[in-house]
Amino acid sequence: LQRENLNAVEKAEGMLRVQNKRSCTQDELGALLGGMTKSSVSES
């Protein structure tokens, strides 16, 4: 995410893998990824 933009699907799938492995909420996932809001996480 920091070095080169992922396309939207790659980003979403990567986020889902992190969420599943960490068993975290959307709020917690957003915090892990640099302060994304819950709505942004949900949309992705």
PDB file of all heavy atoms in Angstrom:
ATOM      1  N   LEU A   1       0.828  -1.201   0.000  1.00  0.00           N
ATOM      2  CA  LEU A   1       0.000   0.000   0.000  1.00  0.00           C
ATOM      3  C   LEU A   1       0.866   1.256   0.000  1.00  0.00           C
ATOM      4  O   LEU A   1       0.522   2.267  -0.614  1.00  0.00           O
ATOM      5  CB  LEU A   1      -0.921   0.004   1.226  1.00  0.00           C
ATOM      6  CG  LEU A   1      -2.049  -1.030   1.211  1.00  0.00           C
ATOM      7  CD1 LEU A   1      -2.778  -1.020   2.547  1.00  0.00           C
ATOM      8  CD2 LEU A   1      -3.025  -0.750   0.084  1.00  0.00           C
ATOM      9  N   GLN A   2       2.009   1.200   0.689  1.00  0.00           N
ATOM     10  CA  GLN A   2       2.871   2.366   0.797  1.00  0.00           C
ATOM     11  C   GLN A   2       3.732   2.578  -0.443  1.00  0.00           C
ATOM     12  O   GLN A   2       4.007   3.712  -0.829  1.00  0.00           O
ATOM     13  CB  GLN A   2       3.762   2.236   2.030  1.00  0.00           C
ATOM     14  CG  GLN A   2       3.011   2.379   3.349  1.00  0.00           C
ATOM     15  CD  GLN A   2       3.918   2.210   4.542  1.00  0.00           C
ATOM     16  OE1 GLN A   2       5.040   1.728   4.426  1.00  0.00           O
ATOM     17  NE2 GLN A   2       3.426   2.591   5.708  1.00  0.00           N
ATOM     18  N   ARG A   3       4.163   1.516  -1.081  1.00  0.00           N
ATOM     19  CA  ARG A   3       5.149   1.645  -2.146  1.00  0.00           C
ATOM     20  C   ARG A   3       4.530   1.760  -3.535  1.00  0.00           C
ATOM     21  O   ARG A   3       5.014   2.464  -4.384  1.00  0.00           O
ATOM     22  CB  ARG A   3       6.128   0.458  -2.119  1.00  0.00           C
ATOM     23  CG  ARG A   3       6.980   0.495  -0.887  1.00  0.00           C
ATOM     24  CD  ARG A   3       8.061  -0.568  -0.941  1.00  0.00           C
ATOM     25  NE  ARG A   3       8.916  -0.414   0.215  1.00  0.00           N
ATOM     26  CZ  ARG A   3       9.893   0.445   0.322  1.00  0.00           C
ATOM     27  NH1 ARG A   3      10.160   1.250  -0.677  1.00  0.00           N
ATOM     28  NH2 ARG A   3      10.619   0.525   1.419  1.00  0.00           N
ATOM     29  N   GLU A   4       3.503   0.976  -3.800  1.00  0.00           N
ATOM     30  CA  GLU A   4       2.883   1.036  -5.126  1.00  0.00           C
ATOM     31  C   GLU A   4       1.437   0.643  -4.956  1.00  0.00           C
ATOM     32  O   GLU A   4       1.131  -0.360  -4.318  1.00  0.00           O
ATOM     33  CB  GLU A   4       3.576   0.080  -6.100  1.00  0.00           C
ATOM     34  CG  GLU A   4       2.970   0.138  -7.498  1.00  0.00           C
ATOM     35  CD  GLU A   4       3.664  -0.803  -8.460  1.00  0.00           C
ATOM     36  OE1 GLU A   4       4.678  -1.379  -8.091  1.00  0.00           O
ATOM     37  OE2 GLU A   4       3.172  -0.950  -9.580  1.00  0.00           O
ATOM     38  N   ASN A   5       0.517   1.409  -5.563  1.00  0.00           N
ATOM     39  CA  ASN A   5      -0.898   1.150  -5.363  1.00  0.00           C
ATOM     40  C   ASN A   5      -1.283  -0.244  -5.830  1.00  0.00           C
ATOM     41  O   ASN A   5      -1.035  -0.626  -6.964  1.00  0.00           O
ATOM     42  CB  ASN A   5      -1.737   2.181  -6.132  1.00  0.00           C
ATOM     43  CG  ASN A   5      -1.629   3.556  -5.531  1.00  0.00           C
ATOM     44  OD1 ASN A   5      -1.374   3.698  -4.346  1.00  0.00           O
ATOM     45  ND2 ASN A   5      -1.816   4.563  -6.348  1.00  0.00           N
ATOM     46  N   LEU A   6      -1.902  -1.006  -4.920  1.00  0.00           N
ATOM     47  CA  LEU A   6      -2.541  -2.240  -5.319  1.00  0.00           C
ATOM     48  C   LEU A   6      -3.834  -1.885  -6.028  1.00  0.00           C
ATOM     49  O   LEU A   6      -4.439  -0.853  -5.765  1.00  0.00           O
ATOM     50  CB  LEU A   6      -2.877  -3.081  -4.085  1.00  0.00           C
ATOM     51  CG  LEU A   6      -1.720  -3.628  -3.249  1.00  0.00           C
ATOM     52  CD1 LEU A   6      -2.260  -4.221  -1.951  1.00  0.00           C
ATOM     53  CD2 LEU A   6      -0.943  -4.662  -4.013  1.00  0.00           C
ATOM     54  N   ASN A   7      -4.292  -2.758  -6.948  1.00  0.00           N
ATOM     55  CA  ASN A   7      -5.629  -2.508  -7.457  1.00  0.00           C
ATOM     56  C   ASN A   7      -6.622  -2.862  -6.363  1.00  0.00           C
ATOM     57  O   ASN A   7      -6.287  -3.498  -5.363  1.00  0.00           O
ATOM     58  CB  ASN A   7      -5.892  -3.241  -8.783  1.00  0.00           C
ATOM     59  CG  ASN A   7      -5.948  -4.740  -8.639  1.00  0.00           C
ATOM     60  OD1 ASN A   7      -6.667  -5.284  -7.796  1.00  0.00           O
ATOM     61  ND2 ASN A   7      -5.193  -5.444  -9.479  1.00  0.00           N
ATOM     62  N   ALA A   8      -7.858  -2.439  -6.541  1.00  0.00           N
ATOM     63  CA  ALA A   8      -8.842  -2.506  -5.460  1.00  0.00           C
ATOM     64  C   ALA A   8      -9.119  -3.933  -4.999  1.00  0.00           C
ATOM     65  O   ALA A   8      -9.318  -4.191  -3.803  1.00  0.00           O
ATOM     66  CB  ALA A   8     -10.141  -1.843  -5.908  1.00  0.00           C
ATOM     67  N   VAL A   9      -9.123  -4.880  -5.923  1.00  0.00           N
ATOM     68  CA  VAL A   9      -9.401  -6.277  -5.563  1.00  0.00           C
ATOM     69  C   VAL A   9      -8.239  -6.873  -4.773  1.00  0.00           C
ATOM     70  O   VAL A   9      -8.443  -7.570  -3.778  1.00  0.00           O
ATOM     71  CB  VAL A   9      -9.705  -7.115  -6.826  1.00  0.00           C
ATOM     72  CG1 VAL A   9      -9.668  -8.608  -6.516  1.00  0.00           C
ATOM     73  CG2 VAL A   9     -11.066  -6.739  -7.390  1.00  0.00           C
ATOM     74  N   GLU A  10      -7.009  -6.597  -5.212  1.00  0.00           N
ATOM     75  CA  GLU A  10      -5.844  -7.097  -4.473  1.00  0.00           C
ATOM     76  C   GLU A  10      -5.823  -6.548  -3.052  1.00  0.00           C
ATOM     77  O   GLU A  10      -5.529  -7.273  -2.096  1.00  0.00           O
ATOM     78  CB  GLU A  10      -4.560  -6.704  -5.207  1.00  0.00           C
ATOM     79  CG  GLU A  10      -4.343  -7.436  -6.519  1.00  0.00           C
ATOM     80  CD  GLU A  10      -3.177  -6.876  -7.303  1.00  0.00           C
ATOM     81  OE1 GLU A  10      -2.893  -5.671  -7.198  1.00  0.00           O
ATOM     82  OE2 GLU A  10      -2.544  -7.654  -8.037  1.00  0.00           O
ATOM     83  N   LYS A  11      -6.134  -5.276  -2.919  1.00  0.00           N
ATOM     84  CA  LYS A  11      -6.176  -4.660  -1.597  1.00  0.00           C
ATOM     85  C   LYS A  11      -7.236  -5.319  -0.722  1.00  0.00           C
ATOM     86  O   LYS A  11      -6.978  -5.654   0.444  1.00  0.00           O
ATOM     87  CB  LYS A  11      -6.464  -3.166  -1.742  1.00  0.00           C
ATOM     88  CG  LYS A  11      -6.617  -2.424  -0.417  1.00  0.00           C
ATOM     89  CD  LYS A  11      -6.921  -0.949  -0.666  1.00  0.00           C
ATOM     90  CE  LYS A  11      -7.166  -0.203   0.645  1.00  0.00           C
ATOM     91  NZ  LYS A  11      -7.476   1.226   0.412  1.00  0.00           N
ATOM     92  N   ALA A  12      -8.430  -5.518  -1.274  1.00  0.00           N
ATOM     93  CA  ALA A  12      -9.527  -6.124  -0.503  1.00  0.00           C
ATOM     94  C   ALA A  12      -9.184  -7.541  -0.060  1.00  0.00           C
ATOM     95  O   ALA A  12      -9.426  -7.925   1.095  1.00  0.00           O
ATOM     96  CB  ALA A  12     -10.799  -6.127  -1.339  1.00  0.00           C
ATOM     97  N   GLU A  13      -8.608  -8.318  -0.950  1.00  0.00           N
ATOM     98  CA  GLU A  13      -8.279  -9.702  -0.613  1.00  0.00           C
ATOM     99  C   GLU A  13      -7.163  -9.763   0.427  1.00  0.00           C
ATOM    100  O   GLU A  13      -7.183 -10.619   1.316  1.00  0.00           O
ATOM    101  CB  GLU A  13      -7.887 -10.467  -1.885  1.00  0.00           C
ATOM    102  CG  GLU A  13      -9.068 -10.684  -2.817  1.00  0.00           C
ATOM    103  CD  GLU A  13      -8.694 -11.321  -4.137  1.00  0.00           C
ATOM    104  OE1 GLU A  13      -7.524 -11.171  -4.571  1.00  0.00           O
ATOM    105  OE2 GLU A  13      -9.562 -11.957  -4.748  1.00  0.00           O
ATOM    106  N   GLY A  14      -6.209  -8.858   0.315  1.00  0.00           N
ATOM    107  CA  GLY A  14      -5.151  -8.800   1.315  1.00  0.00           C
ATOM    108  C   GLY A  14      -5.692  -8.422   2.680  1.00  0.00           C
ATOM    109  O   GLY A  14      -5.314  -9.001   3.702  1.00  0.00           O
ATOM    110  N   MET A  15      -6.604  -7.449   2.704  1.00  0.00           N
ATOM    111  CA  MET A  15      -7.210  -7.029   3.968  1.00  0.00           C
ATOM    112  C   MET A  15      -8.010  -8.165   4.601  1.00  0.00           C
ATOM    113  O   MET A  15      -7.975  -8.369   5.823  1.00  0.00           O
ATOM    114  CB  MET A  15      -8.106  -5.815   3.726  1.00  0.00           C
ATOM    115  CG  MET A  15      -7.347  -4.542   3.409  1.00  0.00           C
ATOM    116  SD  MET A  15      -8.414  -3.165   2.878  1.00  0.00           S
ATOM    117  CE  MET A  15      -9.384  -2.902   4.365  1.00  0.00           C
ATOM    118  N   LEU A  16      -8.729  -8.915   3.780  1.00  0.00           N
ATOM    119  CA  LEU A  16      -9.534 -10.022   4.311  1.00  0.00           C
ATOM    120  C   LEU A  16      -8.648 -11.107   4.921  1.00  0.00           C
ATOM    121  O   LEU A  16      -8.981 -11.671   5.970  1.00  0.00           O
ATOM    122  CB  LEU A  16     -10.404 -10.614   3.201  1.00  0.00           C
ATOM    123  CG  LEU A  16     -11.364 -11.726   3.634  1.00  0.00           C
ATOM    124  CD1 LEU A  16     -12.366 -11.211   4.656  1.00  0.00           C
ATOM    125  CD2 LEU A  16     -12.081 -12.316   2.411  1.00  0.00           C
ATOM    126  N   ARG A  17      -7.506 -11.382   4.282  1.00  0.00           N
ATOM    127  CA  ARG A  17      -6.587 -12.383   4.844  1.00  0.00           C
ATOM    128  C   ARG A  17      -6.079 -11.952   6.212  1.00  0.00           C
ATOM    129  O   ARG A  17      -6.003 -12.756   7.146  1.00  0.00           O
ATOM    130  CB  ARG A  17      -5.414 -12.625   3.887  1.00  0.00           C
ATOM    131  CG  ARG A  17      -5.721 -13.550   2.736  1.00  0.00           C
ATOM    132  CD  ARG A  17      -4.456 -14.020   2.049  1.00  0.00           C
ATOM    133  NE  ARG A  17      -3.729 -12.929   1.437  1.00  0.00           N
ATOM    134  CZ  ARG A  17      -3.936 -12.505   0.194  1.00  0.00           C
ATOM    135  NH1 ARG A  17      -4.868 -13.065  -0.553  1.00  0.00           N
ATOM    136  NH2 ARG A  17      -3.229 -11.522  -0.310  1.00  0.00           N
ATOM    137  N   VAL A  18      -5.708 -10.678   6.323  1.00  0.00           N
ATOM    138  CA  VAL A  18      -5.226 -10.169   7.609  1.00  0.00           C
ATOM    139  C   VAL A  18      -6.333 -10.251   8.656  1.00  0.00           C
ATOM    140  O   VAL A  18      -6.106 -10.676   9.793  1.00  0.00           O
ATOM    141  CB  VAL A  18      -4.729  -8.714   7.466  1.00  0.00           C
ATOM    142  CG1 VAL A  18      -4.412  -8.123   8.839  1.00  0.00           C
ATOM    143  CG2 VAL A  18      -3.488  -8.653   6.574  1.00  0.00           C
ATOM    144  N   GLN A  19      -7.537  -9.850   8.295  1.00  0.00           N
ATOM    145  CA  GLN A  19      -8.650  -9.882   9.247  1.00  0.00           C
ATOM    146  C   GLN A  19      -8.946 -11.303   9.719  1.00  0.00           C
ATOM    147  O   GLN A  19      -9.151 -11.551  10.916  1.00  0.00           O
ATOM    148  CB  GLN A  19      -9.905  -9.276   8.628  1.00  0.00           C
ATOM    149  CG  GLN A  19     -11.068  -9.203   9.621  1.00  0.00           C
ATOM    150  CD  GLN A  19     -12.336  -8.658   9.010  1.00  0.00           C
ATOM    151  OE1 GLN A  19     -12.660  -8.972   7.864  1.00  0.00           O
ATOM    152  NE2 GLN A  19     -13.055  -7.840   9.766  1.00  0.00           N
ATOM    153  N   ASN A  20      -8.944 -12.253   8.788  1.00  0.00           N
ATOM    154  CA  ASN A  20      -9.237 -13.640   9.156  1.00  0.00           C
ATOM    155  C   ASN A  20      -8.159 -14.237  10.053  1.00  0.00           C
ATOM    156  O   ASN A  20      -8.459 -14.961  11.010  1.00  0.00           O
ATOM    157  CB  ASN A  20      -9.400 -14.488   7.899  1.00  0.00           C
ATOM    158  CG  ASN A  20     -10.687 -14.186   7.151  1.00  0.00           C
ATOM    159  OD1 ASN A  20     -11.624 -13.630   7.718  1.00  0.00           O
ATOM    160  ND2 ASN A  20     -10.745 -14.537   5.876  1.00  0.00           N
ATOM    161  N   LYS A  21      -6.905 -13.935   9.750  1.00  0.00           N
ATOM    162  CA  LYS A  21      -5.817 -14.506  10.552  1.00  0.00           C
ATOM    163  C   LYS A  21      -5.746 -13.891  11.934  1.00  0.00           C
ATOM    164  O   LYS A  21      -5.378 -14.556  12.908  1.00  0.00           O
ATOM    165  CB  LYS A  21      -4.487 -14.341   9.821  1.00  0.00           C
ATOM    166  CG  LYS A  21      -4.331 -15.278   8.641  1.00  0.00           C
ATOM    167  CD  LYS A  21      -2.886 -15.383   8.180  1.00  0.00           C
ATOM    168  CE  LYS A  21      -2.747 -16.452   7.106  1.00  0.00           C
ATOM    169  NZ  LYS A  21      -1.349 -16.658   6.692  1.00  0.00           N
ATOM    170  N   ARG A  22      -6.110 -12.626  12.014  1.00  0.00           N
ATOM    171  CA  ARG A  22      -6.056 -11.942  13.318  1.00  0.00           C
ATOM    172  C   ARG A  22      -7.378 -12.000  14.066  1.00  0.00           C
ATOM    173  O   ARG A  22      -7.436 -11.616  15.233  1.00  0.00           O
ATOM    174  CB  ARG A  22      -5.650 -10.486  13.129  1.00  0.00           C
ATOM    175  CG  ARG A  22      -4.161 -10.316  12.825  1.00  0.00           C
ATOM    176  CD  ARG A  22      -3.752  -8.898  13.134  1.00  0.00           C
ATOM    177  NE  ARG A  22      -2.306  -8.770  13.154  1.00  0.00           N
ATOM    178  CZ  ARG A  22      -1.623  -8.280  14.173  1.00  0.00           C
ATOM    179  NH1 ARG A  22      -2.247  -7.913  15.266  1.00  0.00           N
ATOM    180  NH2 ARG A  22      -0.317  -8.148  14.106  1.00  0.00           N
ATOM    181  N   SER A  23      -8.430 -12.448  13.374  1.00  0.00           N
ATOM    182  CA  SER A  23      -9.770 -12.491  13.982  1.00  0.00           C
ATOM    183  C   SER A  23     -10.124 -11.138  14.596  1.00  0.00           C
ATOM    184  O   SER A  23     -10.568 -11.061  15.748  1.00  0.00           O
ATOM    185  CB  SER A  23      -9.846 -13.597  15.044  1.00  0.00           C
ATOM    186  OG  SER A  23      -9.594 -14.851  14.469  1.00  0.00           O
ATOM    187  N   CYS A  24      -9.912 -10.091  13.827  1.00  0.00           N
ATOM    188  CA  CYS A  24     -10.134  -8.738  14.344  1.00  0.00           C
ATOM    189  C   CYS A  24     -11.376  -8.110  13.733  1.00  0.00           C
ATOM    190  O   CYS A  24     -11.874  -8.548  12.690  1.00  0.00           O
ATOM    191  CB  CYS A  24      -8.914  -7.855  14.084  1.00  0.00           C
ATOM    192  SG  CYS A  24      -8.468  -7.673  12.343  1.00  0.00           S
ATOM    193  N   THR A  25     -11.881  -7.087  14.388  1.00  0.00           N
ATOM    194  CA  THR A  25     -13.020  -6.333  13.884  1.00  0.00           C
ATOM    195  C   THR A  25     -12.560  -5.398  12.772  1.00  0.00           C
ATOM    196  O   THR A  25     -11.358  -5.205  12.554  1.00  0.00           O
ATOM    197  CB  THR A  25     -13.670  -5.502  15.003  1.00  0.00           C
ATOM    198  OG1 THR A  25     -12.727  -4.496  15.420  1.00  0.00           O
ATOM    199  CG2 THR A  25     -14.048  -6.374  16.191  1.00  0.00           C
ATOM    200  N   GLN A  26     -13.532  -4.780  12.108  1.00  0.00           N
ATOM    201  CA  GLN A  26     -13.176  -3.823  11.061  1.00  0.00           C
ATOM    202  C   GLN A  26     -12.483  -2.595  11.648  1.00  0.00           C
ATOM    203  O   GLN A  26     -11.584  -2.038  11.023  1.00  0.00           O
ATOM    204  CB  GLN A  26     -14.424  -3.421  10.278  1.00  0.00           C
ATOM    205  CG  GLN A  26     -14.972  -4.558   9.431  1.00  0.00           C
ATOM    206  CD  GLN A  26     -16.131  -4.147   8.556  1.00  0.00           C
ATOM    207  OE1 GLN A  26     -16.576  -3.002   8.587  1.00  0.00           O
ATOM    208  NE2 GLN A  26     -16.629  -5.075   7.752  1.00  0.00           N
ATOM    209  N   ASP A  27     -12.898  -2.182  12.835  1.00  0.00           N
ATOM    210  CA  ASP A  27     -12.216  -1.068  13.506  1.00  0.00           C
ATOM    211  C   ASP A  27     -10.756  -1.414  13.774  1.00  0.00           C
ATOM    212  O   ASP A  27      -9.850  -0.603  13.538  1.00  0.00           O
ATOM    213  CB  ASP A  27     -12.906  -0.735  14.828  1.00  0.00           C
ATOM    214  CG  ASP A  27     -14.168   0.101  14.622  1.00  0.00           C
ATOM    215  OD1 ASP A  27     -14.197   0.881  13.658  1.00  0.00           O
ATOM    216  OD2 ASP A  27     -15.110  -0.042  15.418  1.00  0.00           O
ATOM    217  N   GLU A  28     -10.525  -2.624  14.300  1.00  0.00           N
ATOM    218  CA  GLU A  28      -9.161  -3.058  14.619  1.00  0.00           C
ATOM    219  C   GLU A  28      -8.325  -3.215  13.352  1.00  0.00           C
ATOM    220  O   GLU A  28      -7.138  -2.870  13.331  1.00  0.00           O
ATOM    221  CB  GLU A  28      -9.215  -4.371  15.396  1.00  0.00           C
ATOM    222  CG  GLU A  28      -9.801  -4.229  16.794  1.00  0.00           C
ATOM    223  CD  GLU A  28     -10.134  -5.559  17.434  1.00  0.00           C
ATOM    224  OE1 GLU A  28     -10.297  -6.568  16.702  1.00  0.00           O
ATOM    225  OE2 GLU A  28     -10.246  -5.602  18.678  1.00  0.00           O
ATOM    226  N   LEU A  29      -8.937  -3.721  12.289  1.00  0.00           N
ATOM    227  CA  LEU A  29      -8.215  -3.870  11.015  1.00  0.00           C
ATOM    228  C   LEU A  29      -7.810  -2.505  10.482  1.00  0.00           C
ATOM    229  O   LEU A  29      -6.679  -2.322  10.010  1.00  0.00           O
ATOM    230  CB  LEU A  29      -9.097  -4.598  10.001  1.00  0.00           C
ATOM    231  CG  LEU A  29      -8.490  -4.829   8.614  1.00  0.00           C
ATOM    232  CD1 LEU A  29      -7.219  -5.677   8.708  1.00  0.00           C
ATOM    233  CD2 LEU A  29      -9.506  -5.487   7.694  1.00  0.00           C
ATOM    234  N   GLY A  30      -8.708  -1.536  10.567  1.00  0.00           N
ATOM    235  CA  GLY A  30      -8.388  -0.190  10.109  1.00  0.00           C
ATOM    236  C   GLY A  30      -7.215   0.404  10.861  1.00  0.00           C
ATOM    237  O   GLY A  30      -6.339   1.044  10.277  1.00  0.00           O
ATOM    238  N   ALA A  31      -7.175   0.172  12.172  1.00  0.00           N
ATOM    239  CA  ALA A  31      -6.069   0.677  12.990  1.00  0.00           C
ATOM    240  C   ALA A  31      -4.752   0.005  12.593  1.00  0.00           C
ATOM    241  O   ALA A  31      -3.703   0.652  12.520  1.00  0.00           O
ATOM    242  CB  ALA A  31      -6.362   0.447  14.465  1.00  0.00           C
ATOM    243  N   LEU A  32      -4.791  -1.301  12.325  1.00  0.00           N
ATOM    244  CA  LEU A  32      -3.590  -2.038  11.928  1.00  0.00           C
ATOM    245  C   LEU A  32      -3.009  -1.494  10.624  1.00  0.00           C
ATOM    246  O   LEU A  32      -1.791  -1.470  10.433  1.00  0.00           O
ATOM    247  CB  LEU A  32      -3.911  -3.523  11.751  1.00  0.00           C
ATOM    248  CG  LEU A  32      -4.088  -4.371  13.003  1.00  0.00           C
ATOM    249  CD1 LEU A  32      -4.574  -5.756  12.639  1.00  0.00           C
ATOM    250  CD2 LEU A  32      -2.775  -4.461  13.775  1.00  0.00           C
ATOM    251  N   LEU A  33      -3.890  -1.050   9.739  1.00  0.00           N
ATOM    252  CA  LEU A  33      -3.458  -0.627   8.412  1.00  0.00           C
ATOM    253  C   LEU A  33      -3.254   0.875   8.307  1.00  0.00           C
ATOM    254  O   LEU A  33      -3.324   1.450   7.229  1.00  0.00           O
ATOM    255  CB  LEU A  33      -4.477  -1.104   7.369  1.00  0.00           C
ATOM    256  CG  LEU A  33      -4.652  -2.620   7.303  1.00  0.00           C
ATOM    257  CD1 LEU A  33      -5.690  -2.994   6.258  1.00  0.00           C
ATOM    258  CD2 LEU A  33      -3.325  -3.313   7.012  1.00  0.00           C
ATOM    259  N   GLY A  34      -3.021   1.512   9.428  1.00  0.00           N
ATOM    260  CA  GLY A  34      -2.631   2.917   9.393  1.00  0.00           C
ATOM    261  C   GLY A  34      -3.751   3.902   9.608  1.00  0.00           C
ATOM    262  O   GLY A  34      -3.691   5.034   9.116  1.00  0.00           O
ATOM    263  N   GLY A  35      -4.795   3.489  10.318  1.00  0.00           N
ATOM    264  CA  GLY A  35      -5.845   4.436  10.655  1.00  0.00           C
ATOM    265  C   GLY A  35      -6.958   4.545   9.642  1.00  0.00           C
ATOM    266  O   GLY A  35      -7.606   5.596   9.542  1.00  0.00           O
ATOM    267  N   MET A  36      -7.236   3.493   8.879  1.00  0.00           N
ATOM    268  CA  MET A  36      -8.385   3.503   7.977  1.00  0.00           C
ATOM    269  C   MET A  36      -9.669   3.532   8.801  1.00  0.00           C
ATOM    270  O   MET A  36      -9.767   2.882   9.834  1.00  0.00           O
ATOM    271  CB  MET A  36      -8.388   2.253   7.085  1.00  0.00           C
ATOM    272  CG  MET A  36      -7.311   2.209   6.037  1.00  0.00           C
ATOM    273  SD  MET A  36      -7.392   0.687   5.039  1.00  0.00           S
ATOM    274  CE  MET A  36      -8.977   0.908   4.214  1.00  0.00           C
ATOM    275  N   THR A  37     -10.658   4.266   8.344  1.00  0.00           N
ATOM    276  CA  THR A  37     -11.928   4.308   9.054  1.00  0.00           C
ATOM    277  C   THR A  37     -12.682   3.000   8.844  1.00  0.00           C
ATOM    278  O   THR A  37     -12.428   2.257   7.882  1.00  0.00           O
ATOM    279  CB  THR A  37     -12.805   5.469   8.546  1.00  0.00           C
ATOM    280  OG1 THR A  37     -13.137   5.234   7.162  1.00  0.00           O
ATOM    281  CG2 THR A  37     -12.072   6.796   8.679  1.00  0.00           C
ATOM    282  N   LYS A  38     -13.639   2.736   9.744  1.00  0.00           N
ATOM    283  CA  LYS A  38     -14.437   1.518   9.633  1.00  0.00           C
ATOM    284  C   LYS A  38     -15.200   1.487   8.316  1.00  0.00           C
ATOM    285  O   LYS A  38     -15.316   0.429   7.674  1.00  0.00           O
ATOM    286  CB  LYS A  38     -15.401   1.416  10.813  1.00  0.00           C
ATOM    287  CG  LYS A  38     -16.235   0.141  10.796  1.00  0.00           C
ATOM    288  CD  LYS A  38     -17.164   0.060  11.995  1.00  0.00           C
ATOM    289  CE  LYS A  38     -18.004  -1.208  11.951  1.00  0.00           C
ATOM    290  NZ  LYS A  38     -18.912  -1.310  13.117  1.00  0.00           N
ATOM    291  N   SER A  39     -15.719   2.636   7.887  1.00  0.00           N
ATOM    292  CA  SER A  39     -16.475   2.676   6.634  1.00  0.00           C
ATOM    293  C   SER A  39     -15.579   2.367   5.428  1.00  0.00           C
ATOM    294  O   SER A  39     -15.994   1.661   4.503  1.00  0.00           O
ATOM    295  CB  SER A  39     -17.143   4.041   6.455  1.00  0.00           C
ATOM    296  OG  SER A  39     -16.183   5.086   6.398  1.00  0.00           O
ATOM    297  N   SER A  40     -14.332   2.860   5.452  1.00  0.00           N
ATOM    298  CA  SER A  40     -13.393   2.577   4.363  1.00  0.00           C
ATOM    299  C   SER A  40     -13.041   1.095   4.325  1.00  0.00           C
ATOM    300  O   SER A  40     -12.944   0.491   3.251  1.00  0.00           O
ATOM    301  CB  SER A  40     -12.118   3.409   4.525  1.00  0.00           C
ATOM    302  OG  SER A  40     -12.385   4.779   4.389  1.00  0.00           O
ATOM    303  N   VAL A  41     -12.844   0.522   5.512  1.00  0.00           N
ATOM    304  CA  VAL A  41     -12.552  -0.909   5.588  1.00  0.00           C
ATOM    305  C   VAL A  41     -13.728  -1.709   5.049  1.00  0.00           C
ATOM    306  O   VAL A  41     -13.562  -2.654   4.267  1.00  0.00           O
ATOM    307  CB  VAL A  41     -12.243  -1.321   7.041  1.00  0.00           C
ATOM    308  CG1 VAL A  41     -12.163  -2.840   7.171  1.00  0.00           C
ATOM    309  CG2 VAL A  41     -10.937  -0.685   7.509  1.00  0.00           C
ATOM    310  N   SER A  42     -14.939  -1.340   5.469  1.00  0.00           N
ATOM    311  CA  SER A  42     -16.136  -2.048   5.034  1.00  0.00           C
ATOM    312  C   SER A  42     -16.303  -1.971   3.520  1.00  0.00           C
ATOM    313  O   SER A  42     -16.632  -2.975   2.863  1.00  0.00           O
ATOM    314  CB  SER A  42     -17.365  -1.460   5.729  1.00  0.00           C
ATOM    315  OG  SER A  42     -18.543  -2.092   5.287  1.00  0.00           O
ATOM    316  N   GLU A  43     -16.066  -0.794   2.948  1.00  0.00           N
ATOM    317  CA  GLU A  43     -16.187  -0.629   1.500  1.00  0.00           C
ATOM    318  C   GLU A  43     -15.176  -1.496   0.758  1.00  0.00           C
ATOM    319  O   GLU A  43     -15.512  -2.154  -0.232  1.00  0.00           O
ATOM    320  CB  GLU A  43     -15.996   0.832   1.128  1.00  0.00           C
ATOM    321  CG  GLU A  43     -17.162   1.725   1.499  1.00  0.00           C
ATOM    322  CD  GLU A  43     -16.926   3.176   1.160  1.00  0.00           C
ATOM    323  OE1 GLU A  43     -15.754   3.554   0.947  1.00  0.00           O
ATOM    324  OE2 GLU A  43     -17.913   3.926   1.109  1.00  0.00           O
ATOM    325  N   SER A  44     -13.942  -1.505   1.244  1.00  0.00           N
ATOM    326  CA  SER A  44     -12.914  -2.321   0.589  1.00  0.00           C
ATOM    327  C   SER A  44     -13.250  -3.806   0.669  1.00  0.00           C
ATOM    328  O   SER A  44     -13.155  -4.535  -0.321  1.00  0.00           O
ATOM    329  CB  SER A  44     -11.544  -2.060   1.219  1.00  0.00           C
ATOM    330  OG  SER A  44     -11.069  -0.774   0.895  1.00  0.00           O
TER     331      SER A  44
END
